[in-house]
Amino acid sequence: MQQITASRPSYYRPAPKPQPRAAKADPAPSRFWYRYERMMLTPLFRFALRVVAPFILAVLAVNAYFADQERSDNFFLMLQDLRTSFVERPEFMVGAMTIDGAGPILAGDIREVLHTDFPISSFDIDVVAMRETLLGLSPVKAAQIKIDGNVLQIAIEERTPVLLWRTQDGLQLVDAEGFVVSAAKGRLAHGDLPLMAGVGADVHAKEALQLLKVAAPLGDRVRGLAWVGDRRWDIVLDRDQRIMLPENGAVGALERIVAMAQVQDLLERDVSVVDLRIGNRPTLRVAENSVENWWDVRKTSLGVKE
């Protein structure tokens, strides 16, 4: 008996075998990553992680590198060489100094005080310190310093002496603000300057100039001013006359005396002292010779015999 086997068509494909399903991943993170993500939500932690930690690592690395003294010395020597090669370039070098507005003596003092060796880099010139040094000189009223190209330019404004001050150390030249400019060579060398005397007179130079201006009508009769008792002025005239001014209101008191001298010839008489220290009671002191002559006349008129 013949067995009949059914044949399958050529397009037939066996059905795929079912594959076992993979286990689904747990969506919850591990405990470490959970805590990490929670901390990343904190601004302070993010700042520490992104800024502080790299900075600390960099500092540690630098310290480890410079722990070797030889490496440290080589590094700073390299920096010094780089700076030197930059600041000593020709366009930065200053080779000369000019001084304008100062006399020969003051200019020499300035060069000696600054003591600058040329050529020198402009980076090594402290203009502010130089200016402070120049203002410390008595004859210097103002100073300007600038670097123009390869030249250090100094502009000086000298103090102009307007008074001659007699002190225990000799004659000093004083400007209108009371600053001592320099020592005077002698009275004859500055005959055009008015004379003042007294300890502390330089501090009151402005008032002295006001008094001299008021006393200008007296002309050449004014010999000078004397600062008395560190509180008031005396006007010294020729013929040993003296005007004693009050402590307060000296200018006004002198104006009244000058007016009286012009109208009544008060200072042309034999008066040795005009005392104005008490404002409402001026006092005149007659010269000694005039007093003796007055007594002689008085005795003669009374018939008194010696």
Protein backbone atom coordinates (compact mmCIF):
# COMPACT_ATOMS: atom_id res chain seq x y z
CA MET A 1 0.00 0.00 0.00
CA GLN A 2 1.50 3.23 -1.10
CA GLN A 3 1.68 6.12 1.50
CA ILE A 4 0.66 9.45 0.17
CA THR A 5 2.46 12.49 1.65
CA ALA A 6 1.03 15.95 1.15
CA SER A 7 3.58 18.44 -0.16
CA ARG A 8 3.76 22.02 1.11
CA PRO A 9 3.77 24.94 -1.32
CA SER A 10 7.03 26.77 -1.96
CA TYR A 11 5.83 30.03 -0.48
CA TYR A 12 5.08 28.52 2.84
CA ARG A 13 7.12 29.77 5.77
CA PRO A 14 6.93 28.40 9.24
CA ALA A 15 5.58 30.74 11.87
CA PRO A 16 8.32 32.30 14.10
CA LYS A 17 8.64 30.95 17.50
CA PRO A 18 7.52 33.34 20.20
CA GLN A 19 10.44 35.05 21.98
CA PRO A 20 10.43 35.49 25.73
CA ARG A 21 9.64 39.02 26.78
CA ALA A 22 12.49 41.09 28.35
CA ALA A 23 11.98 42.45 31.82
CA LYS A 24 11.09 46.17 31.88
CA ALA A 25 13.76 48.55 33.36
CA ASP A 26 12.91 50.12 36.65
CA PRO A 27 12.23 53.87 35.93
CA ALA A 28 13.31 54.84 39.44
CA PRO A 29 17.04 55.86 39.61
CA SER A 30 19.45 54.42 42.04
CA ARG A 31 19.80 56.01 45.45
CA PHE A 32 23.10 57.72 44.48
CA TRP A 33 21.75 59.29 41.31
CA TYR A 34 18.58 60.31 43.08
CA ARG A 35 20.53 62.19 45.72
CA TYR A 36 22.86 63.66 43.06
CA GLU A 37 19.94 65.02 41.03
CA ARG A 38 18.36 66.45 44.16
CA MET A 39 21.61 68.24 45.09
CA MET A 40 22.01 69.59 41.56
CA LEU A 41 18.79 71.48 42.13
CA THR A 42 20.56 73.44 44.88
CA PRO A 43 22.32 76.64 43.55
CA LEU A 44 25.00 76.50 46.21
CA PHE A 45 25.93 72.93 45.32
CA ARG A 46 26.09 73.78 41.61
CA PHE A 47 28.34 76.76 42.36
CA ALA A 48 30.63 74.63 44.51
CA LEU A 49 30.81 71.90 41.89
CA ARG A 50 31.39 74.18 38.89
CA VAL A 51 33.52 76.94 40.44
CA VAL A 52 34.92 76.12 43.86
CA ALA A 53 36.03 72.59 43.09
CA PRO A 54 37.94 73.51 39.86
CA PHE A 55 39.52 76.46 41.65
CA ILE A 56 40.73 74.28 44.51
CA LEU A 57 42.10 71.73 42.07
CA ALA A 58 43.92 74.47 40.15
CA VAL A 59 45.42 75.86 43.36
CA LEU A 60 46.60 72.45 44.41
CA ALA A 61 48.14 71.87 41.01
CA VAL A 62 49.95 75.22 41.09
CA ASN A 63 51.23 74.59 44.60
CA ALA A 64 52.45 71.19 43.59
CA TYR A 65 54.27 72.66 40.59
CA PHE A 66 55.90 75.52 42.52
CA ALA A 67 56.85 73.30 45.42
CA ASP A 68 60.10 72.78 43.57
CA GLN A 69 62.29 75.85 44.26
CA GLU A 70 64.14 75.55 40.97
CA ARG A 71 60.95 75.56 38.93
CA SER A 72 59.68 78.53 40.95
CA ASP A 73 62.85 80.54 40.39
CA ASN A 74 62.86 79.78 36.68
CA PHE A 75 59.24 80.86 36.33
CA PHE A 76 59.69 84.22 38.05
CA LEU A 77 62.92 84.82 36.18
CA MET A 78 61.04 84.27 32.95
CA LEU A 79 58.37 86.77 34.01
CA GLN A 80 61.05 89.32 34.87
CA ASP A 81 62.71 88.87 31.50
CA LEU A 82 59.37 89.31 29.73
CA ARG A 83 58.64 92.51 31.64
CA THR A 84 62.13 93.89 31.02
CA SER A 85 61.95 93.16 27.32
CA PHE A 86 58.61 94.98 27.14
CA VAL A 87 59.21 98.09 29.29
CA GLU A 88 62.66 98.74 27.79
CA ARG A 89 61.42 98.99 24.26
CA PRO A 90 62.69 102.18 22.55
CA GLU A 91 59.25 103.81 22.40
CA PHE A 92 58.96 103.59 26.20
CA MET A 93 62.41 104.93 27.08
CA VAL A 94 62.78 108.50 28.41
CA GLY A 95 66.14 110.03 27.64
CA ALA A 96 65.95 113.67 28.76
CA MET A 97 64.25 116.07 31.16
CA THR A 98 63.22 119.69 30.58
CA ILE A 99 62.35 122.20 33.33
CA ASP A 100 60.28 125.26 32.44
CA GLY A 101 59.45 128.21 34.69
CA ALA A 102 62.28 127.73 37.19
CA GLY A 103 65.40 129.79 37.65
CA PRO A 104 68.88 128.31 37.37
CA ILE A 105 69.24 127.74 41.10
CA LEU A 106 65.82 126.12 41.48
CA ALA A 107 66.34 124.03 38.34
CA GLY A 108 69.57 122.69 39.80
CA ASP A 109 67.81 121.86 43.07
CA ILE A 110 65.07 120.03 41.17
CA ARG A 111 67.56 117.89 39.24
CA GLU A 112 69.38 117.09 42.46
CA VAL A 113 66.19 116.19 44.35
CA LEU A 114 64.70 114.00 41.61
CA HIS A 115 68.06 112.35 40.91
CA THR A 116 66.89 110.52 37.78
CA ASP A 117 69.38 108.58 35.69
CA PHE A 118 68.56 108.64 31.99
CA PRO A 119 67.66 106.73 29.94
CA ILE A 120 64.85 105.26 32.03
CA SER A 121 61.64 103.47 31.13
CA SER A 122 58.44 105.48 31.47
CA PHE A 123 57.01 102.55 33.46
CA ASP A 124 59.65 103.19 36.14
CA ILE A 125 58.78 106.90 36.51
CA ASP A 126 56.33 107.69 39.31
CA VAL A 127 54.91 111.03 38.18
CA VAL A 128 52.74 111.47 41.29
CA ALA A 129 55.65 110.90 43.68
CA MET A 130 57.82 113.29 41.67
CA ARG A 131 55.18 116.01 41.87
CA GLU A 132 54.84 115.56 45.64
CA THR A 133 58.60 115.85 45.96
CA LEU A 134 58.66 119.09 43.96
CA LEU A 135 55.81 120.61 45.97
CA GLY A 136 57.88 119.94 49.08
CA LEU A 137 60.43 122.51 47.88
CA SER A 138 59.79 125.94 49.39
CA PRO A 139 60.19 127.97 46.17
CA VAL A 140 57.72 125.76 44.24
CA LYS A 141 54.10 126.91 44.26
CA ALA A 142 52.76 124.50 41.63
CA ALA A 143 54.24 121.76 39.46
CA GLN A 144 53.09 119.77 36.46
CA ILE A 145 54.87 116.69 35.15
CA LYS A 146 54.18 114.78 31.96
CA ILE A 147 55.98 112.46 29.59
CA ASP A 148 55.94 113.65 25.98
CA GLY A 149 57.52 111.07 23.75
CA ASN A 150 61.01 110.45 25.08
CA VAL A 151 61.18 113.63 27.18
CA LEU A 152 60.13 114.19 30.79
CA GLN A 153 58.63 117.70 30.88
CA ILE A 154 58.39 119.59 34.18
CA ALA A 155 56.54 122.92 34.39
CA ILE A 156 57.20 124.93 37.56
CA GLU A 157 55.41 127.93 39.01
CA GLU A 158 57.76 129.65 41.44
CA ARG A 159 56.64 131.52 44.51
CA THR A 160 57.13 135.27 44.20
CA PRO A 161 58.63 136.87 47.31
CA VAL A 162 56.75 139.98 48.41
CA LEU A 163 58.04 140.41 51.96
CA LEU A 164 61.38 140.31 53.70
CA TRP A 165 61.17 138.64 57.10
CA ARG A 166 63.81 139.26 59.74
CA THR A 167 64.32 136.23 61.98
CA GLN A 168 66.96 135.05 64.44
CA ASP A 169 68.51 133.05 61.63
CA GLY A 170 68.70 136.02 59.27
CA LEU A 171 66.53 137.42 56.49
CA GLN A 172 64.00 135.22 54.73
CA LEU A 173 61.99 135.83 51.56
CA VAL A 174 58.25 135.24 52.06
CA ASP A 175 55.48 135.11 49.45
CA ALA A 176 51.93 136.44 49.73
CA GLU A 177 50.67 133.20 51.31
CA GLY A 178 53.28 133.20 54.05
CA PHE A 179 55.54 130.51 52.59
CA VAL A 180 59.25 131.00 53.04
CA VAL A 181 60.74 131.01 49.55
CA SER A 182 64.42 131.09 50.41
CA ALA A 183 67.03 132.88 52.45
CA ALA A 184 67.80 136.46 51.44
CA LYS A 185 71.33 137.49 50.55
CA GLY A 186 70.91 140.80 52.36
CA ARG A 187 68.72 143.84 52.81
CA LEU A 188 70.36 145.75 49.98
CA ALA A 189 69.78 142.88 47.55
CA HIS A 190 66.01 143.19 48.14
CA GLY A 191 65.58 146.86 48.84
CA ASP A 192 62.25 146.96 47.01
CA LEU A 193 60.60 144.53 49.44
CA PRO A 194 58.98 145.73 52.68
CA LEU A 195 60.43 144.43 55.90
CA MET A 196 58.62 142.64 58.72
CA ALA A 197 59.88 141.14 61.95
CA GLY A 198 58.64 139.01 64.80
CA VAL A 199 58.18 135.35 65.58
CA GLY A 200 55.26 133.97 63.58
CA ALA A 201 54.96 137.00 61.30
CA ASP A 202 55.08 134.77 58.21
CA VAL A 203 51.76 133.17 59.17
CA HIS A 204 50.09 136.59 59.02
CA ALA A 205 51.68 137.72 55.77
CA LYS A 206 48.30 138.40 54.12
CA GLU A 207 47.31 140.87 56.84
CA ALA A 208 50.74 142.48 56.64
CA LEU A 209 50.24 143.15 52.94
CA GLN A 210 46.82 144.68 53.64
CA LEU A 211 48.36 147.02 56.21
CA LEU A 212 51.13 148.01 53.83
CA LYS A 213 48.56 148.82 51.18
CA VAL A 214 46.65 151.06 53.61
CA ALA A 215 49.89 152.72 54.71
CA ALA A 216 50.92 153.46 51.11
CA PRO A 217 50.03 157.21 51.43
CA LEU A 218 52.77 157.51 54.07
CA GLY A 219 55.29 156.75 51.34
CA ASP A 220 58.90 156.13 52.27
CA ARG A 221 58.26 156.88 55.90
CA VAL A 222 57.20 153.25 56.47
CA ARG A 223 60.21 151.26 57.57
CA GLY A 224 58.43 147.97 58.18
CA LEU A 225 56.06 146.00 60.38
CA ALA A 226 56.63 144.22 63.67
CA TRP A 227 54.53 141.28 64.85
CA VAL A 228 54.23 141.76 68.63
CA GLY A 229 53.26 139.16 71.19
CA ASP A 230 52.05 136.78 68.50
CA ARG A 231 48.77 138.72 68.37
CA ARG A 232 49.05 142.18 66.78
CA TRP A 233 51.06 144.48 64.47
CA ASP A 234 53.10 147.63 64.94
CA ILE A 235 53.83 149.96 61.99
CA VAL A 236 57.39 151.25 62.29
CA LEU A 237 58.04 154.67 60.75
CA ASP A 238 61.15 156.79 60.42
CA ARG A 239 62.08 159.29 63.14
CA ASP A 240 61.52 156.45 65.64
CA GLN A 241 57.75 156.68 65.34
CA ARG A 242 55.53 153.68 65.87
CA ILE A 243 51.83 153.00 65.33
CA MET A 244 50.57 150.34 67.73
CA LEU A 245 47.60 148.58 66.12
CA PRO A 246 44.89 146.64 67.97
CA GLU A 247 44.60 142.86 67.86
CA ASN A 248 41.28 143.03 66.01
CA GLY A 249 40.35 145.55 63.32
CA ALA A 250 43.94 146.59 62.63
CA VAL A 251 43.25 147.58 59.03
CA GLY A 252 40.37 149.89 59.94
CA ALA A 253 42.36 151.52 62.78
CA LEU A 254 45.29 152.19 60.45
CA GLU A 255 42.96 153.72 57.85
CA ARG A 256 41.74 156.25 60.43
CA ILE A 257 45.28 157.21 61.47
CA VAL A 258 46.41 157.59 57.85
CA ALA A 259 43.41 159.85 57.20
CA MET A 260 44.26 161.98 60.26
CA ALA A 261 47.89 162.14 59.16
CA GLN A 262 46.84 163.47 55.77
CA VAL A 263 44.39 166.04 57.16
CA GLN A 264 45.94 167.14 60.46
CA ASP A 265 49.60 166.24 59.92
CA LEU A 266 49.45 164.06 63.01
CA LEU A 267 52.56 162.08 62.21
CA GLU A 268 54.53 165.22 61.33
CA ARG A 269 54.47 166.33 64.93
CA ASP A 270 56.79 165.28 67.74
CA VAL A 271 54.87 162.10 68.44
CA SER A 272 56.80 158.91 69.17
CA VAL A 273 53.92 156.46 69.57
CA VAL A 274 50.34 156.36 68.37
CA ASP A 275 48.66 153.73 70.52
CA LEU A 276 45.47 152.31 69.00
CA ARG A 277 45.27 149.14 71.05
CA ILE A 278 42.15 150.46 72.75
CA GLY A 279 39.86 151.25 69.85
CA ASN A 280 37.70 153.95 71.42
CA ARG A 281 40.59 155.65 73.23
CA PRO A 282 43.65 156.29 71.06
CA THR A 283 46.72 157.50 72.93
CA LEU A 284 49.61 159.67 71.74
CA ARG A 285 53.03 159.55 73.30
CA VAL A 286 55.10 162.67 72.80
CA ALA A 287 58.80 162.38 72.08
CA GLU A 288 61.15 162.87 75.05
CA ASN A 289 62.85 165.93 73.56
CA SER A 290 59.51 167.63 73.03
CA VAL A 291 58.54 166.97 76.62
CA GLU A 292 61.77 168.55 77.87
CA ASN A 293 61.27 171.55 75.62
CA TRP A 294 57.72 171.91 76.85
CA TRP A 295 58.87 171.90 80.46
CA ASP A 296 61.51 174.52 79.67
CA VAL A 297 58.87 176.73 78.09
CA ARG A 298 56.57 176.11 81.03
CA LYS A 299 59.22 177.08 83.55
CA THR A 300 60.10 180.19 81.62
CA SER A 301 56.49 181.31 81.43
CA LEU A 302 56.05 180.79 85.18
CA GLY A 303 59.35 182.47 86.01
CA VAL A 304 60.75 179.41 87.68
CA LYS A 305 64.51 179.48 88.10
CA GLU A 306 66.62 176.32 88.35
